[in-house]
Amino acid sequence: MTSKFNVLPKCKHYSCMVDLLGRAGLLNESEEVINNMPIKPDDSVWGALFFACRIHKNIEMGERAGFKLVELDPSDGGIYVLLASM
């Protein structure tokens, strides 16, 4: 993307990739994208993985993503509810 279009990938680009891979059921690949990001993943990136894990019922990975969301914004009560219903 950088060499061909001279565009530096931002969190929203990574979030789209994580979401696409997650919806396709490629959860390990999705988490690998996050772990190899050259920038710090934000809540949209972790949220994309979290919701993909809920869809595909991968509780262990979903909890990891959920706890990252809690780290980013501990005052967001919604994530606690979603984690409890995982």
C-alpha atoms as a PDB file:
ATOM      1  CA  MET A   1       0.000   0.000   0.000  1.00  0.00           C
ATOM      2  CA  THR A   2       2.808   2.369   0.871  1.00  0.00           C
ATOM      3  CA  SER A   3       5.043   1.568  -2.079  1.00  0.00           C
ATOM      4  CA  LYS A   4       2.294   1.403  -4.699  1.00  0.00           C
ATOM      5  CA  PHE A   5      -0.086   4.163  -3.600  1.00  0.00           C
ATOM      6  CA  ASN A   6       2.125   6.183  -1.235  1.00  0.00           C
ATOM      7  CA  VAL A   7      -0.449   5.784   1.554  1.00  0.00           C
ATOM      8  CA  LEU A   8       0.589   4.893   5.082  1.00  0.00           C
ATOM      9  CA  PRO A   9      -1.850   2.409   6.645  1.00  0.00           C
ATOM     10  CA  LYS A  10      -3.705   3.761   9.665  1.00  0.00           C
ATOM     11  CA  CYS A  11      -5.761   2.020  12.332  1.00  0.00           C
ATOM     12  CA  LYS A  12      -8.899   2.214  10.193  1.00  0.00           C
ATOM     13  CA  HIS A  13      -7.150   0.246   7.425  1.00  0.00           C
ATOM     14  CA  TYR A  14      -6.055  -2.431   9.874  1.00  0.00           C
ATOM     15  CA  SER A  15      -9.519  -2.478  11.417  1.00  0.00           C
ATOM     16  CA  CYS A  16     -11.016  -3.243   8.000  1.00  0.00           C
ATOM     17  CA  MET A  17      -8.539  -6.083   7.447  1.00  0.00           C
ATOM     18  CA  VAL A  18      -9.241  -7.567  10.878  1.00  0.00           C
ATOM     19  CA  ASP A  19     -12.982  -7.293  10.252  1.00  0.00           C
ATOM     20  CA  LEU A  20     -12.778  -8.927   6.805  1.00  0.00           C
ATOM     21  CA  LEU A  21     -10.614 -11.787   8.025  1.00  0.00           C
ATOM     22  CA  GLY A  22     -12.778 -12.229  11.106  1.00  0.00           C
ATOM     23  CA  ARG A  23     -16.034 -12.366   9.173  1.00  0.00           C
ATOM     24  CA  ALA A  24     -14.461 -15.019   6.943  1.00  0.00           C
ATOM     25  CA  GLY A  25     -13.685 -17.068  10.054  1.00  0.00           C
ATOM     26  CA  LEU A  26      -9.938 -16.527   9.779  1.00  0.00           C
ATOM     27  CA  LEU A  27      -9.586 -15.521  13.412  1.00  0.00           C
ATOM     28  CA  ASN A  28      -5.957 -16.580  13.856  1.00  0.00           C
ATOM     29  CA  GLU A  29      -4.958 -14.571  10.798  1.00  0.00           C
ATOM     30  CA  SER A  30      -6.981 -11.649  12.107  1.00  0.00           C
ATOM     31  CA  GLU A  31      -5.170 -11.728  15.444  1.00  0.00           C
ATOM     32  CA  GLU A  32      -1.854 -12.075  13.618  1.00  0.00           C
ATOM     33  CA  VAL A  33      -2.564  -8.834  11.727  1.00  0.00           C
ATOM     34  CA  ILE A  34      -3.107  -7.099  15.065  1.00  0.00           C
ATOM     35  CA  ASN A  35       0.045  -8.546  16.615  1.00  0.00           C
ATOM     36  CA  ASN A  36       2.145  -7.434  13.630  1.00  0.00           C
ATOM     37  CA  MET A  37       0.771  -3.899  13.339  1.00  0.00           C
ATOM     38  CA  PRO A  38       3.521  -1.261  13.338  1.00  0.00           C
ATOM     39  CA  ILE A  39       1.174   1.079  15.224  1.00  0.00           C
ATOM     40  CA  LYS A  40      -0.738   0.563  18.472  1.00  0.00           C
ATOM     41  CA  PRO A  41      -4.149  -1.049  17.800  1.00  0.00           C
ATOM     42  CA  ASP A  42      -7.103   1.067  18.888  1.00  0.00           C
ATOM     43  CA  ASP A  43     -10.578   0.071  20.055  1.00  0.00           C
ATOM     44  CA  SER A  44     -11.913  -0.322  16.509  1.00  0.00           C
ATOM     45  CA  VAL A  45      -9.263  -2.944  15.728  1.00  0.00           C
ATOM     46  CA  TRP A  46      -9.820  -4.907  18.944  1.00  0.00           C
ATOM     47  CA  GLY A  47     -13.581  -4.491  18.591  1.00  0.00           C
ATOM     48  CA  ALA A  48     -13.516  -6.003  15.106  1.00  0.00           C
ATOM     49  CA  LEU A  49     -11.717  -9.063  16.457  1.00  0.00           C
ATOM     50  CA  PHE A  50     -13.998  -9.259  19.496  1.00  0.00           C
ATOM     51  CA  PHE A  51     -17.196  -9.287  17.442  1.00  0.00           C
ATOM     52  CA  ALA A  52     -15.758 -11.808  14.978  1.00  0.00           C
ATOM     53  CA  CYS A  53     -14.980 -14.065  17.921  1.00  0.00           C
ATOM     54  CA  ARG A  54     -18.558 -13.726  19.173  1.00  0.00           C
ATOM     55  CA  ILE A  55     -19.912 -14.647  15.748  1.00  0.00           C
ATOM     56  CA  HIS A  56     -17.640 -17.684  15.422  1.00  0.00           C
ATOM     57  CA  LYS A  57     -17.880 -18.613  19.114  1.00  0.00           C
ATOM     58  CA  ASN A  58     -14.162 -18.456  19.865  1.00  0.00           C
ATOM     59  CA  ILE A  59     -14.443 -17.620  23.553  1.00  0.00           C
ATOM     60  CA  GLU A  60     -10.742 -17.720  24.437  1.00  0.00           C
ATOM     61  CA  MET A  61      -9.665 -15.287  21.731  1.00  0.00           C
ATOM     62  CA  GLY A  62     -12.771 -13.179  22.301  1.00  0.00           C
ATOM     63  CA  GLU A  63     -11.873 -12.769  25.952  1.00  0.00           C
ATOM     64  CA  ARG A  64      -8.351 -11.658  25.020  1.00  0.00           C
ATOM     65  CA  ALA A  65      -9.770  -9.053  22.645  1.00  0.00           C
ATOM     66  CA  GLY A  66     -12.372  -8.004  25.213  1.00  0.00           C
ATOM     67  CA  PHE A  67      -9.767  -7.487  27.913  1.00  0.00           C
ATOM     68  CA  LYS A  68      -7.752  -5.324  25.507  1.00  0.00           C
ATOM     69  CA  LEU A  69     -10.893  -3.234  24.966  1.00  0.00           C
ATOM     70  CA  VAL A  70     -11.275  -2.881  28.741  1.00  0.00           C
ATOM     71  CA  GLU A  71      -7.622  -1.767  28.997  1.00  0.00           C
ATOM     72  CA  LEU A  72      -8.234   0.916  26.373  1.00  0.00           C
ATOM     73  CA  ASP A  73     -11.405   2.264  28.026  1.00  0.00           C
ATOM     74  CA  PRO A  74     -12.173   0.844  31.481  1.00  0.00           C
ATOM     75  CA  SER A  75     -15.121   3.228  31.886  1.00  0.00           C
ATOM     76  CA  ASP A  76     -17.036   1.698  28.941  1.00  0.00           C
ATOM     77  CA  GLY A  77     -19.635  -0.445  30.683  1.00  0.00           C
ATOM     78  CA  GLY A  78     -20.860  -1.962  27.437  1.00  0.00           C
ATOM     79  CA  ILE A  79     -17.788  -4.108  26.963  1.00  0.00           C
ATOM     80  CA  TYR A  80     -18.292  -5.652  30.409  1.00  0.00           C
ATOM     81  CA  VAL A  81     -21.821  -6.663  29.438  1.00  0.00           C
ATOM     82  CA  LEU A  82     -20.600  -8.130  26.148  1.00  0.00           C
ATOM     83  CA  LEU A  83     -17.810 -10.027  27.911  1.00  0.00           C
ATOM     84  CA  ALA A  84     -20.270 -11.427  30.438  1.00  0.00           C
ATOM     85  CA  SER A  85     -22.514 -12.714  27.658  1.00  0.00           C
ATOM     86  CA  MET A  86     -19.653 -14.236  25.651  1.00  0.00           C
END
